[in-house]
C-alpha atoms as a PDB file:
ATOM      1  CA  MET A   1     115.306 110.800  76.084  1.00  0.00           C
ATOM      2  CA  LYS A   2     116.051 107.097  76.267  1.00  0.00           C
ATOM      3  CA  SER A   3     118.149 107.530  79.410  1.00  0.00           C
ATOM      4  CA  ILE A   4     115.393 109.570  81.098  1.00  0.00           C
ATOM      5  CA  LEU A   5     112.884 106.835  80.295  1.00  0.00           C
ATOM      6  CA  LEU A   6     115.251 104.162  81.669  1.00  0.00           C
ATOM      7  CA  LYS A   7     115.868 106.182  84.838  1.00  0.00           C
ATOM      8  CA  THR A   8     112.132 106.694  85.299  1.00  0.00           C
ATOM      9  CA  LEU A   9     111.439 102.981  84.809  1.00  0.00           C
ATOM     10  CA  PHE A  10     114.233 102.083  87.243  1.00  0.00           C
ATOM     11  CA  LEU A  11     112.915 104.475  89.905  1.00  0.00           C
ATOM     12  CA  LEU A  12     109.369 103.201  89.382  1.00  0.00           C
ATOM     13  CA  PHE A  13     110.543  99.587  89.664  1.00  0.00           C
ATOM     14  CA  PHE A  14     112.591 100.426  92.788  1.00  0.00           C
ATOM     15  CA  ALA A  15     109.648 102.216  94.439  1.00  0.00           C
ATOM     16  CA  VAL A  16     107.229  99.340  93.709  1.00  0.00           C
ATOM     17  CA  SER A  17     109.755  96.715  94.892  1.00  0.00           C
ATOM     18  CA  LYS A  18     110.462  98.623  98.090  1.00  0.00           C
ATOM     19  CA  ASN A  19     106.722  98.950  98.807  1.00  0.00           C
ATOM     20  CA  ILE A  20     106.115  95.227  98.229  1.00  0.00           C
ATOM     21  CA  TYR A  21     109.129  94.343 100.411  1.00  0.00           C
ATOM     22  CA  SER A  22     107.951  96.555 103.277  1.00  0.00           C
ATOM     23  CA  GLN A  23     104.443  95.078 103.044  1.00  0.00           C
ATOM     24  CA  ASN A  24     105.928  91.594 103.272  1.00  0.00           C
ATOM     25  CA  LEU A  25     107.949  92.594 106.345  1.00  0.00           C
ATOM     26  CA  THR A  26     104.822  93.978 107.928  1.00  0.00           C
ATOM     27  CA  ALA A  27     102.947  90.745 107.226  1.00  0.00           C
ATOM     28  CA  ALA A  28     105.843  88.706 108.645  1.00  0.00           C
ATOM     29  CA  ASP A  29     105.992  90.931 111.729  1.00  0.00           C
ATOM     30  CA  LYS A  30     102.235  90.559 112.245  1.00  0.00           C
ATOM     31  CA  THR A  31     102.508  86.791 111.912  1.00  0.00           C
ATOM     32  CA  MET A  32     105.309  86.716 114.495  1.00  0.00           C
ATOM     33  CA  GLU A  33     103.357  88.994 116.847  1.00  0.00           C
ATOM     34  CA  ASN A  34     100.231  86.818 116.496  1.00  0.00           C
ATOM     35  CA  THR A  35     102.318  83.703 117.167  1.00  0.00           C
ATOM     36  CA  ASN A  36     103.854  85.328 120.243  1.00  0.00           C
ATOM     37  CA  VAL A  37     100.430  86.414 121.536  1.00  0.00           C
ATOM     38  CA  GLN A  38      99.235  82.834 121.036  1.00  0.00           C
ATOM     39  CA  LEU A  39     102.240  81.510 123.003  1.00  0.00           C
ATOM     40  CA  ILE A  40     101.595  83.870 125.917  1.00  0.00           C
ATOM     41  CA  ASN A  41      97.878  83.007 125.874  1.00  0.00           C
ATOM     42  CA  LYS A  42      98.800  79.294 125.860  1.00  0.00           C
ATOM     43  CA  PHE A  43     101.132  79.810 128.832  1.00  0.00           C
ATOM     44  CA  TYR A  44      98.492  81.534 130.972  1.00  0.00           C
ATOM     45  CA  THR A  45      95.703  79.223 129.858  1.00  0.00           C
ATOM     46  CA  CYS A  46      97.839  76.268 130.951  1.00  0.00           C
ATOM     47  CA  PHE A  47      98.533  78.060 134.233  1.00  0.00           C
ATOM     48  CA  LYS A  48      94.821  78.715 134.732  1.00  0.00           C
ATOM     49  CA  ASN A  49      94.098  75.031 134.028  1.00  0.00           C
ATOM     50  CA  ARG A  50      96.921  73.913 136.342  1.00  0.00           C
ATOM     51  CA  ASP A  51      98.775  72.292 133.427  1.00  0.00           C
ATOM     52  CA  TYR A  52     102.399  72.793 134.449  1.00  0.00           C
ATOM     53  CA  LYS A  53     103.656  70.571 131.612  1.00  0.00           C
ATOM     54  CA  GLY A  54     101.987  72.864 129.082  1.00  0.00           C
ATOM     55  CA  MET A  55     103.582  75.862 130.819  1.00  0.00           C
ATOM     56  CA  GLN A  56     106.995  74.188 130.775  1.00  0.00           C
ATOM     57  CA  ASP A  57     106.639  73.513 127.053  1.00  0.00           C
ATOM     58  CA  CYS A  58     106.437  77.265 126.412  1.00  0.00           C
ATOM     59  CA  TYR A  59     110.040  77.804 127.577  1.00  0.00           C
ATOM     60  CA  ALA A  60     113.219  77.402 125.547  1.00  0.00           C
ATOM     61  CA  ASP A  61     115.957  75.189 126.975  1.00  0.00           C
ATOM     62  CA  THR A  62     118.003  78.354 127.562  1.00  0.00           C
ATOM     63  CA  ALA A  63     115.223  80.361 129.233  1.00  0.00           C
ATOM     64  CA  VAL A  64     115.722  82.572 132.274  1.00  0.00           C
ATOM     65  CA  PHE A  65     113.120  83.804 134.756  1.00  0.00           C
ATOM     66  CA  SER A  66     113.027  86.451 137.467  1.00  0.00           C
ATOM     67  CA  ASP A  67     110.459  87.997 139.760  1.00  0.00           C
ATOM     68  CA  GLU A  68     110.525  89.620 143.193  1.00  0.00           C
ATOM     69  CA  VAL A  69     111.060  86.258 144.922  1.00  0.00           C
ATOM     70  CA  PHE A  70     112.772  83.970 142.405  1.00  0.00           C
ATOM     71  CA  VAL A  71     115.754  85.687 140.775  1.00  0.00           C
ATOM     72  CA  ASN A  72     117.697  84.542 137.702  1.00  0.00           C
ATOM     73  CA  LEU A  73     116.307  81.023 137.460  1.00  0.00           C
ATOM     74  CA  ASN A  74     117.600  78.916 134.600  1.00  0.00           C
ATOM     75  CA  SER A  75     115.297  76.854 132.395  1.00  0.00           C
ATOM     76  CA  LYS A  76     115.332  73.747 134.616  1.00  0.00           C
ATOM     77  CA  GLN A  77     114.667  75.827 137.707  1.00  0.00           C
ATOM     78  CA  VAL A  78     111.819  77.826 136.197  1.00  0.00           C
ATOM     79  CA  LYS A  79     110.137  74.681 134.896  1.00  0.00           C
ATOM     80  CA  ALA A  80     110.458  73.089 138.334  1.00  0.00           C
ATOM     81  CA  MET A  81     109.198  76.294 139.994  1.00  0.00           C
ATOM     82  CA  TRP A  82     105.970  76.266 137.974  1.00  0.00           C
ATOM     83  CA  GLU A  83     105.474  72.560 138.706  1.00  0.00           C
ATOM     84  CA  MET A  84     106.034  73.194 142.425  1.00  0.00           C
ATOM     85  CA  LEU A  85     103.665  76.177 142.507  1.00  0.00           C
ATOM     86  CA  VAL A  86     100.928  74.543 140.426  1.00  0.00           C
ATOM     87  CA  THR A  87     100.952  71.195 142.228  1.00  0.00           C
ATOM     88  CA  GLY A  88     101.403  72.753 145.664  1.00  0.00           C
ATOM     89  CA  GLY A  89      98.829  75.534 145.317  1.00  0.00           C
ATOM     90  CA  LYS A  90      95.610  73.646 145.958  1.00  0.00           C
ATOM     91  CA  ASP A  91      93.315  76.678 145.737  1.00  0.00           C
ATOM     92  CA  THR A  92      95.169  78.770 143.130  1.00  0.00           C
ATOM     93  CA  LYS A  93      92.983  80.708 140.697  1.00  0.00           C
ATOM     94  CA  LEU A  94      94.247  82.893 137.896  1.00  0.00           C
ATOM     95  CA  ASP A  95      92.961  85.609 135.591  1.00  0.00           C
ATOM     96  CA  PHE A  96      94.943  87.170 132.761  1.00  0.00           C
ATOM     97  CA  LYS A  97      94.326  89.996 130.292  1.00  0.00           C
ATOM     98  CA  ASN A  98      95.953  92.547 127.990  1.00  0.00           C
ATOM     99  CA  VAL A  99      98.225  90.090 126.212  1.00  0.00           C
ATOM    100  CA  THR A 100     100.264  91.981 123.612  1.00  0.00           C
ATOM    101  CA  ALA A 101     103.339  91.393 121.479  1.00  0.00           C
ATOM    102  CA  SER A 102     105.607  93.546 119.368  1.00  0.00           C
ATOM    103  CA  GLY A 103     108.538  91.970 117.601  1.00  0.00           C
ATOM    104  CA  THR A 104     110.158  89.485 119.971  1.00  0.00           C
ATOM    105  CA  ARG A 105     108.687  91.122 123.092  1.00  0.00           C
ATOM    106  CA  GLY A 106     105.412  90.314 124.777  1.00  0.00           C
ATOM    107  CA  ASP A 107     103.468  91.433 127.834  1.00  0.00           C
ATOM    108  CA  ALA A 108     100.493  90.330 129.887  1.00  0.00           C
ATOM    109  CA  GLU A 109      98.763  91.279 133.099  1.00  0.00           C
ATOM    110  CA  TRP A 110      97.681  88.526 135.436  1.00  0.00           C
ATOM    111  CA  THR A 111      96.268  88.118 138.904  1.00  0.00           C
ATOM    112  CA  ALA A 112      96.807  85.093 141.124  1.00  0.00           C
ATOM    113  CA  TYR A 113      94.446  84.245 144.001  1.00  0.00           C
ATOM    114  CA  TYR A 114      95.827  81.672 146.433  1.00  0.00           C
ATOM    115  CA  THR A 115      96.603  80.702 149.993  1.00  0.00           C
ATOM    116  CA  PHE A 116     100.271  81.188 150.906  1.00  0.00           C
ATOM    117  CA  SER A 117     101.178  77.755 152.256  1.00  0.00           C
ATOM    118  CA  ALA A 118     103.766  78.931 154.809  1.00  0.00           C
ATOM    119  CA  THR A 119     101.231  81.066 156.722  1.00  0.00           C
ATOM    120  CA  GLY A 120      97.793  79.981 155.500  1.00  0.00           C
ATOM    121  CA  ARG A 121      97.016  83.588 154.539  1.00  0.00           C
ATOM    122  CA  LYS A 122      95.028  84.536 151.421  1.00  0.00           C
ATOM    123  CA  VAL A 123      96.876  86.454 148.695  1.00  0.00           C
ATOM    124  CA  VAL A 124      95.709  88.390 145.643  1.00  0.00           C
ATOM    125  CA  ASN A 125      98.812  89.195 143.593  1.00  0.00           C
ATOM    126  CA  ASN A 126      98.636  91.531 140.578  1.00  0.00           C
ATOM    127  CA  VAL A 127     101.518  90.838 138.217  1.00  0.00           C
ATOM    128  CA  LYS A 128     102.875  92.297 134.983  1.00  0.00           C
ATOM    129  CA  GLY A 129     104.577  89.607 132.890  1.00  0.00           C
ATOM    130  CA  ASN A 130     107.238  90.608 130.365  1.00  0.00           C
ATOM    131  CA  PHE A 131     108.552  88.148 127.799  1.00  0.00           C
ATOM    132  CA  ILE A 132     111.226  87.851 125.160  1.00  0.00           C
ATOM    133  CA  ILE A 133     110.371  85.151 122.649  1.00  0.00           C
ATOM    134  CA  GLU A 134     112.526  83.507 119.990  1.00  0.00           C
ATOM    135  CA  ASN A 135     111.650  80.644 117.669  1.00  0.00           C
ATOM    136  CA  GLY A 136     108.254  80.174 119.297  1.00  0.00           C
ATOM    137  CA  LYS A 137     109.609  79.753 122.849  1.00  0.00           C
ATOM    138  CA  ILE A 138     110.057  82.043 125.842  1.00  0.00           C
ATOM    139  CA  ILE A 139     113.741  82.823 126.366  1.00  0.00           C
ATOM    140  CA  LYS A 140     113.300  85.472 129.057  1.00  0.00           C
ATOM    141  CA  HIS A 141     110.366  85.919 131.431  1.00  0.00           C
ATOM    142  CA  THR A 142     110.219  88.637 134.062  1.00  0.00           C
ATOM    143  CA  ASP A 143     107.260  89.063 136.408  1.00  0.00           C
ATOM    144  CA  VAL A 144     106.906  92.385 138.203  1.00  0.00           C
ATOM    145  CA  PHE A 145     104.728  92.925 141.281  1.00  0.00           C
ATOM    146  CA  SER A 146     104.799  94.873 144.529  1.00  0.00           C
ATOM    147  CA  PHE A 147     106.776  92.815 147.009  1.00  0.00           C
ATOM    148  CA  TYR A 148     105.484  95.033 149.801  1.00  0.00           C
ATOM    149  CA  LYS A 149     101.811  94.435 148.891  1.00  0.00           C
ATOM    150  CA  TRP A 150     102.487  90.720 148.505  1.00  0.00           C
ATOM    151  CA  SER A 151     104.335  90.488 151.850  1.00  0.00           C
ATOM    152  CA  LYS A 152     101.554  92.306 153.743  1.00  0.00           C
ATOM    153  CA  GLN A 153      99.068  89.730 152.494  1.00  0.00           C
ATOM    154  CA  ALA A 154     101.247  86.618 152.681  1.00  0.00           C
ATOM    155  CA  LEU A 155     103.079  87.360 155.929  1.00  0.00           C
ATOM    156  CA  GLY A 156     100.640  89.552 157.846  1.00  0.00           C
ATOM    157  CA  ILE A 157     102.007  91.996 160.406  1.00  0.00           C
ATOM    158  CA  SER A 158     105.657  91.095 159.766  1.00  0.00           C
ATOM    159  CA  GLY A 159     105.134  91.764 156.046  1.00  0.00           C
ATOM    160  CA  ALA A 160     103.391  95.063 156.813  1.00  0.00           C
ATOM    161  CA  LEU A 161     106.219  96.178 159.097  1.00  0.00           C
ATOM    162  CA  LEU A 162     109.218  94.792 157.196  1.00  0.00           C
ATOM    163  CA  GLY A 163     107.992  94.166 153.628  1.00  0.00           C
ATOM    164  CA  TRP A 164     109.758  97.247 152.338  1.00  0.00           C
ATOM    165  CA  THR A 165     113.157  96.180 153.711  1.00  0.00           C
ATOM    166  CA  PRO A 166     115.899  94.359 151.806  1.00  0.00           C
ATOM    167  CA  PHE A 167     116.258  92.127 154.893  1.00  0.00           C
ATOM    168  CA  LEU A 168     112.797  90.569 154.482  1.00  0.00           C
ATOM    169  CA  LYS A 169     113.065  90.300 150.704  1.00  0.00           C
ATOM    170  CA  LYS A 170     116.395  88.463 151.082  1.00  0.00           C
ATOM    171  CA  LYS A 171     114.927  86.137 153.710  1.00  0.00           C
ATOM    172  CA  VAL A 172     111.885  85.314 151.535  1.00  0.00           C
ATOM    173  CA  ARG A 173     114.109  84.725 148.496  1.00  0.00           C
ATOM    174  CA  LYS A 174     116.341  82.375 150.479  1.00  0.00           C
ATOM    175  CA  PHE A 175     113.305  80.444 151.780  1.00  0.00           C
ATOM    176  CA  ALA A 176     111.792  80.192 148.278  1.00  0.00           C
ATOM    177  CA  MET A 177     115.046  78.982 146.716  1.00  0.00           C
ATOM    178  CA  SER A 178     115.442  76.423 149.492  1.00  0.00           C
ATOM    179  CA  ARG A 179     111.942  75.095 148.790  1.00  0.00           C
ATOM    180  CA  LEU A 180     112.692  74.957 145.055  1.00  0.00           C
ATOM    181  CA  SER A 181     115.985  73.128 145.625  1.00  0.00           C
ATOM    182  CA  ASP A 182     114.252  70.605 147.905  1.00  0.00           C
ATOM    183  CA  PHE A 183     111.494  70.113 145.317  1.00  0.00           C
ATOM    184  CA  GLN A 184     114.049  69.494 142.549  1.00  0.00           C
ATOM    185  CA  ALA A 185     116.027  67.075 144.734  1.00  0.00           C
ATOM    186  CA  LYS A 186     112.917  64.948 145.365  1.00  0.00           C
ATOM    187  CA  LYS A 187     112.172  64.569 141.647  1.00  0.00           C
END
């Protein structure tokens, strides 16, 4: 009888402890998710307000960035890219929505409205941002958008005719990286 009572008490204690532990994990996960949502909101709010320094502060020193134009940028390059785009884009406007986070991952949808400086053409670019966040900083940021839709707007007829080809994408990437390298060299 005594051993049954001890086993019952042990199982009851184990069940209560496990429940409390899982509730604490859930609270910790929610805190991390809220913190990550706040970081992503801060990033896009800084972008909207043309505060490139605030955007740069959101990245870890080991961060990497990629999109359809800029591929595999390191932390210094991505910080310089945002500075170049924010300071160079005189008429850039931005909207963002649907910011979410789960664990170390986060997502947002954003739309940029600007004039592409190389051609003077107006662009509306719809982007899906994906993030991996550690210790309150972005360590990986990937923006996904339709290169073809972007090239039709930014480049006109040549983008409409060739925007789907690897040739044009490679040429645009090379041009963008050259501009970024020149920008970094002047700093």
